[in-house]
Amino acid sequence: MQAVAAPALVPAIRARQAAVRFDSTGRSITALQDIDLQVAQGEFLTLLGPSGSGKSTLLRAIADLVPASSGSIEVLGMSPHEARVRRDIAFVFQDPALLPWRSALQNVTLPLQVGGGASRPGPRSPRELLAMVGLQDRADAWPHQLSGGQRQRVALARALVGAPRVLLMDEPFAALDEMTRERVQEELLRVWRQAGVTILFVTHSIQEAAFLGQRVLLLAAEPGRVREQVRVDLPADRTAAVRDSVEFVRVTAHLRRVLASC
């Protein structure tokens, strides 16, 4: 008897000729145009481009925060609205936005407690997620007692508490100093491998895009559109030494050339 092939996984994200337009002072502004994109479940994709290329707008369209004006966007085979209602999407912003009157652990627990549509508990408890991001000893610390990198790791644990299948991250490390930023990048990759979540990560940093992403999506500006997709052939287990490798230098040099032409 001939074996039946297993069905292919539904892509985590699929966009077909997607566009986003805004009306402002009587005229239409096209933020994104003709976006074709497919992201596999469990993939880590970084988005890189100049200001005005629509990187954050693309994340917001995927998250059901702004509607697509034309074309289509699907998240796990559903509309962004359906995926958001099912709590399959989580968002981490540049500002961790921790509540100052709640401890680190209480901030992570918050999505399980607020609103009628509170997030479903995931397979890992809030305390286990704090341990996953390396803050098991800081559970009772207040936000003002945490460093910038630690606050962002609390925000990451909070985003993961409802076991989302897609995690959208909009320049979450932009405010960190370079050394802290590199350490937190390594931490994020470790968490991504453990959690098995699909990540879309917006950055302005060429080095960050290359270090984190399995692929880099380069967007050109005005209107935002796909300029190129670059595969990053680096080891899955990336450490600081990767930044000195020939492949890393090659990829970052290529990304720099493409950005210069955007």
Protein backbone atom coordinates (compact mmCIF):
# COMPACT_ATOMS: atom_id res chain seq x y z
CA MET A 1 0.00 0.00 0.00
CA GLN A 2 1.35 3.38 -0.96
CA ALA A 3 2.04 5.72 1.97
CA VAL A 4 -0.09 8.86 2.11
CA ALA A 5 1.92 12.04 2.46
CA ALA A 6 1.22 14.07 5.56
CA PRO A 7 -0.66 17.32 4.84
CA ALA A 8 1.51 20.42 4.72
CA LEU A 9 1.20 22.76 7.67
CA VAL A 10 -0.88 25.84 7.10
CA PRO A 11 1.48 28.84 6.93
CA ALA A 12 1.62 30.94 10.07
CA ILE A 13 1.20 34.06 7.96
CA ARG A 14 0.26 34.52 4.32
CA ALA A 15 -0.22 37.84 2.52
CA ARG A 16 -1.36 38.11 -1.06
CA GLN A 17 -1.11 41.48 -2.82
CA ALA A 18 -1.91 43.13 0.50
CA ALA A 19 -2.08 46.91 0.68
CA VAL A 20 -2.78 49.35 3.49
CA ARG A 21 -3.91 52.91 2.76
CA PHE A 22 -4.73 55.74 5.12
CA ASP A 23 -6.84 58.81 4.43
CA SER A 24 -5.27 62.03 5.66
CA THR A 25 -6.35 65.63 5.03
CA GLY A 26 -8.44 64.62 2.06
CA ARG A 27 -5.84 62.46 0.35
CA SER A 28 -4.97 58.78 0.41
CA ILE A 29 -1.53 57.65 1.61
CA THR A 30 -0.34 54.17 0.66
CA ALA A 31 1.67 52.71 3.53
CA LEU A 32 2.00 49.21 2.05
CA GLN A 33 1.55 48.02 -1.51
CA ASP A 34 1.41 44.58 -3.15
CA ILE A 35 2.82 42.65 -0.18
CA ASP A 36 3.29 38.96 -0.98
CA LEU A 37 4.60 37.00 1.98
CA GLN A 38 4.52 33.50 3.42
CA VAL A 39 5.91 32.61 6.83
CA ALA A 40 6.11 29.00 7.99
CA GLN A 41 4.95 27.94 11.43
CA GLY A 42 7.86 28.12 13.84
CA GLU A 43 9.92 30.42 11.61
CA PHE A 44 11.79 33.51 12.82
CA LEU A 45 11.50 36.31 10.24
CA THR A 46 13.07 39.73 10.69
CA LEU A 47 11.74 42.83 8.91
CA LEU A 48 14.27 45.45 7.89
CA GLY A 49 13.85 48.68 5.96
CA PRO A 50 14.19 52.46 6.06
CA SER A 51 11.71 54.73 7.83
CA GLY A 52 8.48 54.88 5.86
CA SER A 53 8.76 51.33 4.54
CA GLY A 54 5.72 50.15 6.51
CA LYS A 55 7.40 47.61 8.79
CA SER A 56 5.27 48.47 11.82
CA THR A 57 2.18 48.87 9.65
CA LEU A 58 2.64 45.32 8.35
CA LEU A 59 2.81 43.99 11.92
CA ARG A 60 -0.32 45.92 12.84
CA ALA A 61 -2.21 44.59 9.82
CA ILE A 62 -1.26 41.04 10.78
CA ALA A 63 -2.35 41.75 14.37
CA ASP A 64 -5.77 43.09 13.27
CA LEU A 65 -4.89 46.58 14.53
CA VAL A 66 -5.28 48.13 11.07
CA PRO A 67 -7.27 46.64 8.17
CA ALA A 68 -5.84 45.68 4.81
CA SER A 69 -7.31 48.02 2.18
CA SER A 70 -6.98 45.42 -0.57
CA GLY A 71 -5.54 41.97 -1.09
CA SER A 72 -5.61 39.49 1.78
CA ILE A 73 -3.78 38.56 4.98
CA GLU A 74 -4.23 35.22 6.74
CA VAL A 75 -2.91 34.11 10.11
CA LEU A 76 -2.89 30.33 10.59
CA GLY A 77 -5.43 30.03 7.80
CA MET A 78 -7.79 32.56 9.43
CA SER A 79 -8.40 36.25 9.12
CA PRO A 80 -6.29 38.40 11.48
CA HIS A 81 -9.49 39.18 13.39
CA GLU A 82 -10.28 35.51 13.97
CA ALA A 83 -6.70 34.80 15.05
CA ARG A 84 -6.75 37.75 17.47
CA VAL A 85 -10.06 36.65 19.00
CA ARG A 86 -8.62 33.16 19.47
CA ARG A 87 -5.59 34.72 21.23
CA ASP A 88 -3.24 33.17 18.70
CA ILE A 89 -1.36 36.47 18.27
CA ALA A 90 0.73 38.35 20.85
CA PHE A 91 2.53 41.69 20.45
CA VAL A 92 5.70 43.03 22.10
CA PHE A 93 6.34 46.74 21.60
CA GLN A 94 9.44 48.90 22.04
CA ASP A 95 8.08 50.11 25.40
CA PRO A 96 7.57 47.10 27.71
CA ALA A 97 4.70 48.99 29.40
CA LEU A 98 4.90 47.12 32.70
CA LEU A 99 2.49 48.21 35.41
CA PRO A 100 4.70 49.85 38.08
CA TRP A 101 2.49 48.70 40.98
CA ARG A 102 2.78 45.03 40.00
CA SER A 103 5.83 42.80 40.48
CA ALA A 104 7.52 41.06 37.57
CA LEU A 105 5.51 37.90 38.23
CA GLN A 106 2.26 39.84 38.60
CA ASN A 107 2.90 41.61 35.28
CA VAL A 108 3.41 38.27 33.55
CA THR A 109 0.17 36.97 35.09
CA LEU A 110 -1.85 40.01 34.00
CA PRO A 111 -3.16 38.69 30.62
CA LEU A 112 -4.72 35.72 32.45
CA GLN A 113 -6.67 38.03 34.75
CA VAL A 114 -8.01 41.01 32.82
CA GLY A 115 -11.07 41.35 30.63
CA GLY A 116 -13.78 38.96 29.62
CA GLY A 117 -11.48 37.60 26.91
CA ALA A 118 -8.58 36.89 29.20
CA SER A 119 -5.86 34.76 27.63
CA ARG A 120 -6.05 31.01 28.07
CA PRO A 121 -3.37 29.55 30.33
CA GLY A 122 -0.52 28.08 28.32
CA PRO A 123 1.46 24.94 29.07
CA ARG A 124 3.95 26.97 31.11
CA SER A 125 3.01 28.90 34.22
CA PRO A 126 3.97 32.57 34.64
CA ARG A 127 6.71 31.55 37.04
CA GLU A 128 8.05 28.98 34.55
CA LEU A 129 8.06 31.64 31.82
CA LEU A 130 10.06 33.99 34.04
CA ALA A 131 12.56 31.17 34.47
CA MET A 132 12.61 30.64 30.71
CA VAL A 133 13.66 34.27 30.16
CA GLY A 134 16.26 34.00 32.92
CA LEU A 135 14.44 35.99 35.62
CA GLN A 136 13.47 33.26 38.06
CA ASP A 137 15.21 35.18 40.85
CA ARG A 138 13.48 38.48 40.03
CA ALA A 139 9.84 37.38 40.27
CA ASP A 140 9.10 39.70 43.21
CA ALA A 141 11.03 42.71 41.86
CA TRP A 142 9.15 45.88 40.92
CA PRO A 143 9.65 47.28 37.41
CA HIS A 144 11.76 50.20 38.70
CA GLN A 145 14.16 47.65 40.22
CA LEU A 146 14.76 45.97 36.84
CA SER A 147 17.16 46.98 34.08
CA GLY A 148 15.87 47.84 30.61
CA GLY A 149 16.78 44.40 29.30
CA GLN A 150 15.09 42.71 32.25
CA ARG A 151 11.90 44.72 31.73
CA GLN A 152 11.79 43.64 28.09
CA ARG A 153 12.24 40.01 29.13
CA VAL A 154 9.30 40.38 31.51
CA ALA A 155 7.27 41.79 28.59
CA LEU A 156 8.31 38.77 26.51
CA ALA A 157 7.23 36.35 29.24
CA ARG A 158 3.91 38.22 29.53
CA ALA A 159 3.35 37.91 25.77
CA LEU A 160 3.97 34.15 25.94
CA VAL A 161 1.75 33.41 28.94
CA GLY A 162 -1.30 32.75 26.78
CA ALA A 163 0.65 30.38 24.49
CA PRO A 164 0.28 32.44 21.29
CA ARG A 165 1.26 30.77 18.06
CA VAL A 166 2.45 34.01 16.42
CA LEU A 167 4.56 36.61 18.24
CA LEU A 168 4.95 40.07 16.70
CA MET A 169 7.82 42.20 18.00
CA ASP A 170 8.18 45.87 17.02
CA GLU A 171 11.73 47.10 17.75
CA PRO A 172 11.65 45.76 21.32
CA PHE A 173 15.38 46.21 21.92
CA ALA A 174 15.88 49.62 20.29
CA ALA A 175 16.33 51.48 23.59
CA LEU A 176 18.94 49.09 25.01
CA ASP A 177 22.68 49.68 24.98
CA GLU A 178 24.65 47.57 22.51
CA MET A 179 26.03 44.97 24.92
CA THR A 180 22.68 44.45 26.66
CA ARG A 181 20.97 44.27 23.29
CA GLU A 182 23.27 41.48 22.12
CA ARG A 183 22.73 39.47 25.30
CA VAL A 184 18.95 39.83 25.07
CA GLN A 185 19.04 38.79 21.40
CA GLU A 186 20.70 35.52 22.39
CA GLU A 187 18.12 35.09 25.15
CA LEU A 188 15.29 35.63 22.67
CA LEU A 189 16.62 32.95 20.33
CA ARG A 190 16.83 30.49 23.20
CA VAL A 191 13.23 31.25 24.21
CA TRP A 192 12.07 30.97 20.58
CA ARG A 193 13.58 27.50 20.27
CA GLN A 194 11.93 26.38 23.51
CA ALA A 195 8.51 27.92 22.86
CA GLY A 196 8.23 26.89 19.20
CA VAL A 197 6.40 30.12 18.37
CA THR A 198 6.50 31.93 15.00
CA ILE A 199 8.20 35.34 15.37
CA LEU A 200 8.09 38.43 13.16
CA PHE A 201 10.61 40.95 14.44
CA VAL A 202 10.90 44.55 13.21
CA THR A 203 14.27 46.27 13.51
CA HIS A 204 16.31 49.11 12.04
CA SER A 205 19.56 47.28 12.84
CA ILE A 206 21.23 45.30 10.06
CA GLN A 207 23.23 43.26 12.56
CA GLU A 208 20.16 42.45 14.64
CA ALA A 209 18.16 41.40 11.58
CA ALA A 210 20.92 39.04 10.44
CA PHE A 211 21.65 37.60 13.88
CA LEU A 212 18.03 36.81 14.75
CA GLY A 213 16.33 35.92 11.49
CA GLN A 214 16.23 32.71 9.55
CA ARG A 215 15.14 35.04 6.77
CA VAL A 216 15.23 38.81 6.44
CA LEU A 217 12.40 40.59 4.64
CA LEU A 218 13.68 43.87 3.22
CA LEU A 219 11.08 46.56 2.58
CA ALA A 220 11.51 49.61 0.39
CA ALA A 221 9.81 52.89 1.25
CA GLU A 222 7.05 55.15 -0.05
CA PRO A 223 5.10 53.07 -0.56
CA GLY A 224 6.24 50.14 1.58
CA ARG A 225 6.83 47.12 -0.62
CA VAL A 226 8.94 43.97 -0.63
CA ARG A 227 12.39 44.75 -1.99
CA GLU A 228 14.04 41.38 -1.33
CA GLN A 229 13.94 38.32 0.90
CA VAL A 230 17.32 37.06 2.13
CA ARG A 231 17.92 33.65 3.68
CA VAL A 232 20.42 33.62 6.55
CA ASP A 233 22.52 30.45 6.54
CA LEU A 234 23.84 30.59 10.09
CA PRO A 235 23.70 27.88 12.78
CA ALA A 236 20.38 27.61 14.62
CA ASP A 237 22.25 27.87 17.92
CA ARG A 238 23.70 31.35 17.48
CA THR A 239 26.17 32.72 19.96
CA ALA A 240 28.29 35.87 20.04
CA ALA A 241 30.96 34.09 17.98
CA VAL A 242 28.59 33.98 15.01
CA ARG A 243 28.94 37.76 14.64
CA ASP A 244 32.59 37.27 13.64
CA SER A 245 31.90 34.56 11.08
CA VAL A 246 32.45 34.99 7.35
CA GLU A 247 28.78 34.22 6.62
CA PHE A 248 27.54 36.85 9.07
CA VAL A 249 29.80 39.49 7.52
CA ARG A 250 28.64 38.46 4.04
CA VAL A 251 24.95 38.66 4.94
CA THR A 252 25.22 42.02 6.69
CA ALA A 253 27.21 43.46 3.78
CA HIS A 254 24.52 42.29 1.33
CA LEU A 255 21.72 43.72 3.49
CA ARG A 256 23.58 47.04 3.69
CA ARG A 257 23.87 47.19 -0.12
CA VAL A 258 20.19 46.45 -0.61
CA LEU A 259 19.14 49.03 2.00
CA ALA A 260 21.28 51.66 0.28
CA SER A 261 19.21 51.13 -2.88
CA CYS A 262 15.81 51.32 -1.15
